[in-house]
Structure formats: structure tokens, C-alpha cells
Amino acid sequence: MKTFKTLITVLAVIIFASCSAENNRTVDDILDSKFRVYQISGFQGPNIDIKKDSLAQFLTALHYNIPLAEIERELEWSSETTERHINALIENKLLSKKGDYYQPNLGIITLERGILLEEKAQNVANEIADSISAWLPEIKEIHNESHISENHDFRELSLFYLSNVILDNFQIERVEEEFLNQKRPLRNGSRYYLAIVEDDLAGDTEPYGIYGNRGLHWSDSTGIAVYGNQRTESNVGWDNYQDKNIHVFDEHDTQLITQKMPELFFPTLLAILNRNRPDFEATYHELNFDQEVSFEEFFIFWYHWIYTEATDVLIERDIIQEPQNEMFYYQIAANF
């Protein structure tokens, strides 16, 4: 596996250098590729949907410095259509004009960038995994305080605890507030992070195997969600929670997983991130993200690669047990 990743990384470096020097990517190639749009926003977001009307592909083509006339021709847009889309993107602060050139103002994580981010995440991911291993006795003690521990052992819940709770969904707000210490970028009255990610088409997982959380149902008293990396079209029915084994965290347990457990590990995580910040900033400049977005917006998406790599390391070490169906469904208290 490590040999394969090293080979892929070398290829990515070659591709990246080639694209930077010669721009050998065409609009047809971009249109034949699969892209996803990821948004971190709470309830705010852009007033346009860049998943529609080939806007994600349009922005990606501009990222590669393909001439506007060539993009317009390949997309079969009229000059009026092009002007309308450009104006909407500029209004939403997703595009800016610099002389005769249009600059995308969101993260565009192309295949070569994504593979390099995966490789460059490995050192810090191993450091995080080592630290989680050291904190396991204390994390298990919190699990033992929970009501859910009466019916489910720690290993059964280990993916949820060691990835979603202390690294991702129940931790990422602290990363934003205390590591990045910046508000989300303001675009047309809304604050949100947005990125276009080229799918690496690696099996049945989401791009680069990234783990994520998705809410499925919410009421005044409870919320149902799923955690994993197979929220994909090929995994038919993943979003139908009604026929799944749902792990229930009552009000007492919800407080443990949203506050006590992530707060326990956060000082260690923050110290690791601060120690590695010079390397993070170097990668931000090396991959030319500084031409598109702030460091904060770049990092919050790269952080998904980082905690995913850390999760996979813990799975390889048999510290995390993968759920039988590869996805973890759970219910928490909405008010506690």
C-alpha cells in the first residue's frame, strides 16, 4: 500500500509540474472528469448552485488558465450566457477579474492537488494517531461513563469516537475557532467555505476515502446522522436510516460526545496543528492555493484529508474497528 501511494505521489508531482508549465489539460478532459462540490456553512451558502450549468467545470477550466473563448466554445455557451454566469459568480465572490483574466476564489482541488494533499497529510496524521493511542485509556473511561456502554463496547463505537467525535464533526468547530481563529469568508452576505474536488474514482468510497458526517433526520428532540466514507451513488440506500442499526446516545451521552470527549483531546490536537503550521503554510504556497483562497479556507478542507489519514492509520493498527456495513448510524439528543 505504501509503495502504491508513493508511486501515485510521484505521478502526481509529474502531472502537477506538467500542468503548471504547459497547461496540458483541455476543456474536454475537464468535462469528462467527475467533480464534487463541498460546502462547510451551517445554514449559509452562495445564492447560486455551482453544481449546475457546468459552473464547477467552468471554474476548473479557468483555474488551468484555459482561454475564456475556448471554454465558452466547448461548453456551447453564448456570449450572453457566459456573461450571465460570470456576473453571478463575481456577485457571489467566487470569481474575480484581474485585467483580462478571471481568477476563481474558491478551493479547486484537482486530482494532482488532491493526491499531493493526501501524501503530505501522512506525517501529521501519524502524529495525531500516535497521540490518540496515548489517550485511549482516558477516552475509554468516558465511554464507560455513558449509558450506551451498557449495550455496546468501545471497539464497536471506535470509528465514531476516534474519528467523528475527537477529530471531525464534534471537534472541527474548535479547530476553526482556536487554530484558524478567523471567521469564515464573507461572500455576498453569507459566511461559508466552498471547494470543488475532483473525484479520484478510487473504488466505492468518497473522493480520497474522506470520512464525513451527514444529518439524515432532525426533530425538536433528536437528530439522526451517519458517519463514514461511502455516502455514494453506488452505495444504494445509504441515506435510508429506517432500516439501519442506529446507535442511540441519550441526553447524558450526547453531552459526553459533544463536549467532554472532544474537549479532552483538543489541547493535544491543537498543539500538533500549531507545531505543524509552518509546513501547512508551505504547502498552501507550494500548491498555489494562495492565488485562490485564504490559508484558513485551504486548511479547513485539507484537514479532512488529515483526519481521514489518521483514521486509516488507526484502522491499520486495529485500534479502530470498521462498522460491519462500513457506515455508522447514530441518534443524539437535540436539546441537552
Protein backbone atom coordinates (compact mmCIF):
# COMPACT_ATOMS: atom_id res chain seq x y z
CA MET A 1 0.00 0.00 0.00
CA LYS A 2 2.79 2.45 0.92
CA THR A 3 4.65 1.59 -2.30
CA PHE A 4 1.49 2.22 -4.33
CA LYS A 5 0.89 5.56 -2.60
CA THR A 6 4.48 6.58 -3.24
CA LEU A 7 4.12 5.75 -6.94
CA ILE A 8 0.88 7.73 -7.14
CA THR A 9 2.54 10.67 -5.41
CA VAL A 10 5.45 10.67 -7.88
CA LEU A 11 2.97 10.61 -10.75
CA ALA A 12 1.05 13.46 -9.14
CA VAL A 13 4.19 15.56 -8.86
CA ILE A 14 4.91 14.94 -12.55
CA ILE A 15 1.34 15.81 -13.51
CA PHE A 16 1.35 18.89 -11.31
CA ALA A 17 4.60 20.16 -12.80
CA SER A 18 3.40 19.43 -16.32
CA CYS A 19 0.09 21.21 -15.80
CA SER A 20 1.82 24.18 -14.21
CA ALA A 21 4.36 24.50 -17.00
CA GLU A 22 2.38 23.66 -20.10
CA ASN A 23 -1.31 23.61 -19.14
CA ASN A 24 -1.90 20.34 -20.98
CA ARG A 25 -5.43 19.93 -19.71
CA THR A 26 -8.29 20.58 -22.08
CA VAL A 27 -11.90 21.56 -21.51
CA ASP A 28 -12.98 18.19 -22.94
CA ASP A 29 -10.85 16.41 -20.36
CA ILE A 30 -12.37 18.50 -17.57
CA LEU A 31 -15.89 17.80 -18.84
CA ASP A 32 -15.12 14.07 -18.88
CA SER A 33 -13.92 14.16 -15.26
CA LYS A 34 -16.09 13.92 -12.16
CA PHE A 35 -16.17 16.80 -9.69
CA ARG A 36 -17.93 17.26 -6.38
CA VAL A 37 -18.76 20.48 -4.59
CA TYR A 38 -18.23 20.54 -0.83
CA GLN A 39 -19.57 23.26 1.43
CA ILE A 40 -18.98 23.97 5.11
CA SER A 41 -21.55 26.52 6.08
CA GLY A 42 -24.13 25.68 8.69
CA PHE A 43 -27.20 27.32 7.18
CA GLN A 44 -25.44 29.84 4.94
CA GLY A 45 -24.18 29.47 1.41
CA PRO A 46 -23.95 31.01 -2.05
CA ASN A 47 -27.00 32.25 -3.92
CA ILE A 48 -26.07 30.09 -6.90
CA ASP A 49 -25.54 26.36 -7.21
CA ILE A 50 -22.21 25.73 -8.92
CA LYS A 51 -23.10 22.04 -9.30
CA LYS A 52 -25.48 23.15 -12.06
CA ASP A 53 -24.90 24.60 -15.53
CA SER A 54 -21.31 23.24 -15.67
CA LEU A 55 -20.20 26.06 -13.36
CA ALA A 56 -17.80 23.81 -11.43
CA GLN A 57 -16.19 22.74 -14.71
CA PHE A 58 -16.10 26.37 -15.88
CA LEU A 59 -14.26 27.44 -12.72
CA THR A 60 -11.88 24.49 -13.01
CA ALA A 61 -11.04 25.41 -16.61
CA LEU A 62 -10.29 28.97 -15.50
CA HIS A 63 -8.05 27.52 -12.80
CA TYR A 64 -5.99 25.92 -15.59
CA ASN A 65 -5.75 29.27 -17.41
CA ILE A 66 -7.64 27.95 -20.43
CA PRO A 67 -8.70 30.93 -22.57
CA LEU A 68 -12.25 32.10 -21.94
CA ALA A 69 -13.18 31.87 -25.63
CA GLU A 70 -12.12 28.21 -25.71
CA ILE A 71 -14.11 27.40 -22.57
CA GLU A 72 -17.16 29.16 -23.94
CA ARG A 73 -16.93 27.25 -27.22
CA GLU A 74 -16.54 23.83 -25.59
CA LEU A 75 -19.40 24.48 -23.15
CA GLU A 76 -21.51 25.68 -26.08
CA TRP A 77 -22.39 28.87 -24.24
CA SER A 78 -23.44 32.05 -25.97
CA SER A 79 -21.61 35.23 -25.03
CA GLU A 80 -24.74 36.30 -23.13
CA THR A 81 -24.77 33.05 -21.14
CA THR A 82 -21.08 33.40 -20.31
CA GLU A 83 -21.56 36.99 -19.17
CA ARG A 84 -24.54 36.00 -17.01
CA HIS A 85 -22.64 33.20 -15.28
CA ILE A 86 -19.53 35.34 -14.78
CA ASN A 87 -21.59 38.14 -13.24
CA ALA A 88 -23.33 35.71 -10.87
CA LEU A 89 -20.02 34.17 -9.79
CA ILE A 90 -18.48 37.60 -9.24
CA GLU A 91 -21.52 38.74 -7.26
CA ASN A 92 -21.13 35.70 -5.01
CA LYS A 93 -17.38 36.37 -4.56
CA LEU A 94 -16.47 33.06 -6.24
CA LEU A 95 -14.70 34.77 -9.13
CA SER A 96 -12.78 37.99 -9.58
CA LYS A 97 -11.42 39.79 -12.61
CA LYS A 98 -7.76 40.74 -12.81
CA GLY A 99 -7.17 42.64 -16.00
CA ASP A 100 -8.27 40.32 -18.80
CA TYR A 101 -8.03 37.26 -16.56
CA TYR A 102 -10.69 35.69 -14.33
CA GLN A 103 -9.47 34.19 -11.04
CA PRO A 104 -11.56 31.58 -9.18
CA ASN A 105 -11.93 32.49 -5.49
CA LEU A 106 -12.61 29.09 -4.00
CA GLY A 107 -10.52 25.99 -3.47
CA ILE A 108 -10.22 23.91 -6.64
CA ILE A 109 -8.76 20.59 -5.57
CA THR A 110 -7.84 18.91 -8.83
CA LEU A 111 -6.69 15.30 -8.98
CA GLU A 112 -2.99 16.15 -8.84
CA ARG A 113 -3.53 18.52 -5.92
CA GLY A 114 -5.71 16.01 -4.07
CA ILE A 115 -3.15 13.22 -4.33
CA LEU A 116 -0.39 15.51 -3.11
CA LEU A 117 -2.53 16.68 -0.18
CA GLU A 118 -3.13 13.04 0.72
CA GLU A 119 0.58 12.31 0.69
CA LYS A 120 1.53 15.47 2.57
CA ALA A 121 -1.04 14.70 5.28
CA GLN A 122 0.63 11.45 6.31
CA ASN A 123 3.25 12.76 8.73
CA VAL A 124 0.87 14.85 10.80
CA ALA A 125 -1.76 12.11 10.56
CA ASN A 126 0.66 9.62 12.10
CA GLU A 127 1.43 12.12 14.85
CA ILE A 128 -2.29 12.51 15.57
CA ALA A 129 -2.81 8.73 15.53
CA ASP A 130 0.08 8.25 17.99
CA SER A 131 -1.45 10.83 20.32
CA ILE A 132 -4.89 9.24 20.15
CA SER A 133 -3.31 5.91 21.05
CA ALA A 134 -1.73 7.53 24.11
CA TRP A 135 -5.08 8.97 25.21
CA LEU A 136 -7.03 5.74 24.76
CA PRO A 137 -7.34 4.89 28.50
CA GLU A 138 -8.92 8.29 29.25
CA ILE A 139 -11.18 8.14 26.18
CA LYS A 140 -12.35 4.67 27.20
CA GLU A 141 -13.12 5.94 30.70
CA ILE A 142 -15.53 8.49 29.21
CA HIS A 143 -17.14 5.72 27.17
CA ASN A 144 -17.57 3.73 30.39
CA GLU A 145 -19.46 6.69 31.90
CA SER A 146 -22.04 6.52 29.12
CA HIS A 147 -25.35 4.72 29.15
CA ILE A 148 -24.69 3.33 25.67
CA SER A 149 -21.72 1.39 27.07
CA GLU A 150 -24.20 -0.94 28.78
CA ASN A 151 -25.09 -2.42 25.38
CA HIS A 152 -22.16 -1.52 23.10
CA ASP A 153 -18.46 -1.97 23.78
CA PHE A 154 -15.79 0.58 22.92
CA ARG A 155 -14.50 -1.21 19.83
CA GLU A 156 -17.94 -1.25 18.25
CA LEU A 157 -18.09 2.55 18.63
CA SER A 158 -14.39 3.20 17.98
CA LEU A 159 -14.75 4.71 14.48
CA PHE A 160 -17.37 7.11 15.76
CA TYR A 161 -15.40 8.09 18.86
CA LEU A 162 -11.88 8.29 17.46
CA SER A 163 -12.73 9.89 14.13
CA ASN A 164 -16.06 11.71 14.19
CA VAL A 165 -16.07 12.79 17.84
CA ILE A 166 -12.48 13.80 18.61
CA LEU A 167 -11.36 14.81 15.09
CA ASP A 168 -14.26 15.65 12.80
CA ASN A 169 -17.87 16.66 13.36
CA PHE A 170 -17.75 17.31 17.10
CA GLN A 171 -14.25 18.84 17.00
CA ILE A 172 -13.90 20.83 13.81
CA GLU A 173 -15.57 23.95 15.20
CA ARG A 174 -12.85 24.15 17.86
CA VAL A 175 -10.23 23.79 15.12
CA GLU A 176 -11.80 26.73 13.30
CA GLU A 177 -12.07 28.89 16.40
CA GLU A 178 -8.76 28.20 18.16
CA PHE A 179 -6.35 27.09 15.44
CA LEU A 180 -7.53 29.16 12.49
CA ASN A 181 -9.02 31.91 14.69
CA GLN A 182 -10.75 33.51 11.72
CA LYS A 183 -14.37 33.84 10.67
CA ARG A 184 -15.42 32.01 7.53
CA PRO A 185 -15.02 34.18 4.41
CA LEU A 186 -17.85 36.61 3.77
CA ARG A 187 -19.35 36.20 0.30
CA ASN A 188 -22.39 38.19 -0.74
CA GLY A 189 -23.71 38.40 2.83
CA SER A 190 -23.04 34.77 3.79
CA ARG A 191 -20.11 33.12 5.57
CA TYR A 192 -19.10 29.69 4.32
CA TYR A 193 -16.27 27.57 2.95
CA LEU A 194 -16.63 26.11 -0.54
CA ALA A 195 -14.43 23.84 -2.65
CA ILE A 196 -14.54 21.91 -5.91
CA VAL A 197 -12.98 18.47 -5.53
CA GLU A 198 -12.08 16.24 -8.46
CA ASP A 199 -13.08 12.66 -7.70
CA ASP A 200 -10.18 10.21 -7.75
CA LEU A 201 -12.68 7.39 -8.53
CA ALA A 202 -10.92 5.13 -6.02
CA GLY A 203 -13.39 2.29 -5.51
CA ASP A 204 -16.71 2.75 -3.74
CA THR A 205 -15.63 5.45 -1.31
CA GLU A 206 -15.98 9.18 -1.49
CA PRO A 207 -13.05 11.08 -3.06
CA TYR A 208 -9.75 10.10 -1.42
CA GLY A 209 -11.69 7.95 1.05
CA ILE A 210 -12.59 11.04 3.07
CA TYR A 211 -14.83 10.36 6.07
CA GLY A 212 -17.72 12.66 6.72
CA ASN A 213 -20.89 13.21 8.70
CA ARG A 214 -24.35 13.68 7.23
CA GLY A 215 -27.56 14.53 9.06
CA LEU A 216 -30.50 12.40 7.91
CA HIS A 217 -33.37 13.43 10.16
CA TRP A 218 -33.91 16.16 12.72
CA SER A 219 -36.72 16.89 15.15
CA ASP A 220 -37.15 19.10 18.21
CA SER A 221 -35.76 16.37 20.47
CA THR A 222 -33.43 14.14 18.42
CA GLY A 223 -31.18 14.06 15.40
CA ILE A 224 -30.20 11.06 13.28
CA ALA A 225 -26.98 11.08 11.26
CA VAL A 226 -24.47 8.80 9.58
CA TYR A 227 -20.67 8.78 9.61
CA GLY A 228 -18.42 7.09 7.08
CA ASN A 229 -16.87 7.41 3.63
CA GLN A 230 -19.36 5.58 1.44
CA ARG A 231 -22.08 8.20 1.03
CA THR A 232 -22.07 7.48 -2.68
CA GLU A 233 -24.46 6.67 -5.50
CA SER A 234 -23.06 3.15 -5.73
CA ASN A 235 -23.98 2.52 -2.09
CA VAL A 236 -27.69 2.47 -2.72
CA GLY A 237 -29.81 3.22 0.33
CA TRP A 238 -27.03 4.65 2.49
CA ASP A 239 -29.24 7.61 3.37
CA ASN A 240 -32.23 5.45 4.40
CA TYR A 241 -31.71 5.26 8.14
CA GLN A 242 -35.01 3.47 8.83
CA ASP A 243 -33.61 0.01 8.04
CA LYS A 244 -30.22 0.59 9.74
CA ASN A 245 -28.82 -0.30 13.14
CA ILE A 246 -28.91 3.08 14.89
CA HIS A 247 -26.76 3.69 17.97
CA VAL A 248 -28.68 5.86 20.41
CA PHE A 249 -26.94 8.46 22.57
CA ASP A 250 -29.34 9.93 25.14
CA GLU A 251 -29.01 13.45 26.61
CA HIS A 252 -26.33 12.36 29.08
CA ASP A 253 -24.32 10.57 26.40
CA THR A 254 -24.77 13.38 23.90
CA GLN A 255 -23.09 15.75 26.33
CA LEU A 256 -20.18 13.32 26.67
CA ILE A 257 -19.59 13.03 22.91
CA THR A 258 -20.13 16.68 22.04
CA GLN A 259 -18.25 18.19 24.95
CA LYS A 260 -16.30 16.02 27.37
CA MET A 261 -14.63 13.62 24.93
CA PRO A 262 -13.59 16.12 22.22
CA GLU A 263 -12.51 18.65 24.87
CA LEU A 264 -10.26 16.01 26.43
CA PHE A 265 -8.25 15.55 23.23
CA PHE A 266 -8.40 19.05 21.80
CA PRO A 267 -5.36 20.57 23.61
CA THR A 268 -3.22 17.75 22.20
CA LEU A 269 -4.67 18.19 18.72
CA LEU A 270 -4.19 21.95 18.87
CA ALA A 271 -0.56 21.54 19.90
CA ILE A 272 0.06 19.19 16.95
CA LEU A 273 -1.58 21.58 14.48
CA ASN A 274 0.33 24.59 15.82
CA ARG A 275 3.62 22.69 15.69
CA ASN A 276 2.99 21.76 12.04
CA ARG A 277 1.64 25.13 10.94
CA PRO A 278 4.84 26.17 9.09
CA ASP A 279 4.55 23.02 6.96
CA PHE A 280 0.85 23.66 6.36
CA GLU A 281 1.59 27.20 5.20
CA ALA A 282 4.43 25.98 2.97
CA THR A 283 2.06 23.53 1.25
CA TYR A 284 -0.53 26.31 0.86
CA HIS A 285 2.00 28.35 -1.13
CA GLU A 286 3.67 25.41 -2.89
CA LEU A 287 0.40 24.22 -4.44
CA ASN A 288 -0.59 27.81 -5.34
CA PHE A 289 -3.75 27.85 -3.24
CA ASP A 290 -2.66 31.34 -2.16
CA GLN A 291 -3.81 32.51 -5.61
CA GLU A 292 -7.39 31.36 -4.92
CA VAL A 293 -8.32 31.34 -1.23
CA SER A 294 -7.17 32.29 2.23
CA PHE A 295 -4.98 29.92 4.21
CA GLU A 296 -7.93 29.27 6.53
CA GLU A 297 -10.21 28.11 3.73
CA PHE A 298 -7.45 25.96 2.25
CA PHE A 299 -6.63 24.35 5.57
CA ILE A 300 -10.17 23.53 6.68
CA PHE A 301 -10.58 21.34 3.59
CA TRP A 302 -7.10 19.83 3.85
CA TYR A 303 -7.92 19.00 7.47
CA HIS A 304 -10.44 16.46 6.07
CA TRP A 305 -7.54 14.67 4.36
CA ILE A 306 -5.53 14.84 7.59
CA TYR A 307 -8.12 13.30 9.91
CA THR A 308 -9.01 10.73 7.24
CA GLU A 309 -5.37 9.62 7.06
CA ALA A 310 -5.24 9.49 10.88
CA THR A 311 -8.40 7.38 10.91
CA ASP A 312 -6.96 4.95 8.36
CA VAL A 313 -3.76 4.65 10.39
CA LEU A 314 -5.81 3.70 13.46
CA ILE A 315 -7.75 1.15 11.39
CA GLU A 316 -4.48 -0.36 10.15
CA ARG A 317 -3.29 -0.59 13.76
CA ASP A 318 -6.55 -2.34 14.72
CA ILE A 319 -7.37 0.41 17.20
CA ILE A 320 -10.46 1.37 15.21
CA GLN A 321 -12.89 -1.34 14.19
CA GLU A 322 -14.76 -0.58 11.00
CA PRO A 323 -18.55 -0.98 11.22
CA GLN A 324 -19.90 -4.09 9.55
CA ASN A 325 -21.67 -2.07 6.86
CA GLU A 326 -18.81 0.48 6.64
CA MET A 327 -21.14 3.23 7.91
CA PHE A 328 -22.02 4.28 11.46
CA TYR A 329 -25.61 5.41 12.08
CA TYR A 330 -26.44 7.21 15.29
CA GLN A 331 -29.03 9.27 17.13
CA ILE A 332 -28.24 12.14 19.51
CA ALA A 333 -30.33 14.42 21.68
CA ALA A 334 -31.13 17.75 20.08
CA ASN A 335 -31.51 19.52 23.43
CA PHE A 336 -29.34 18.57 26.38
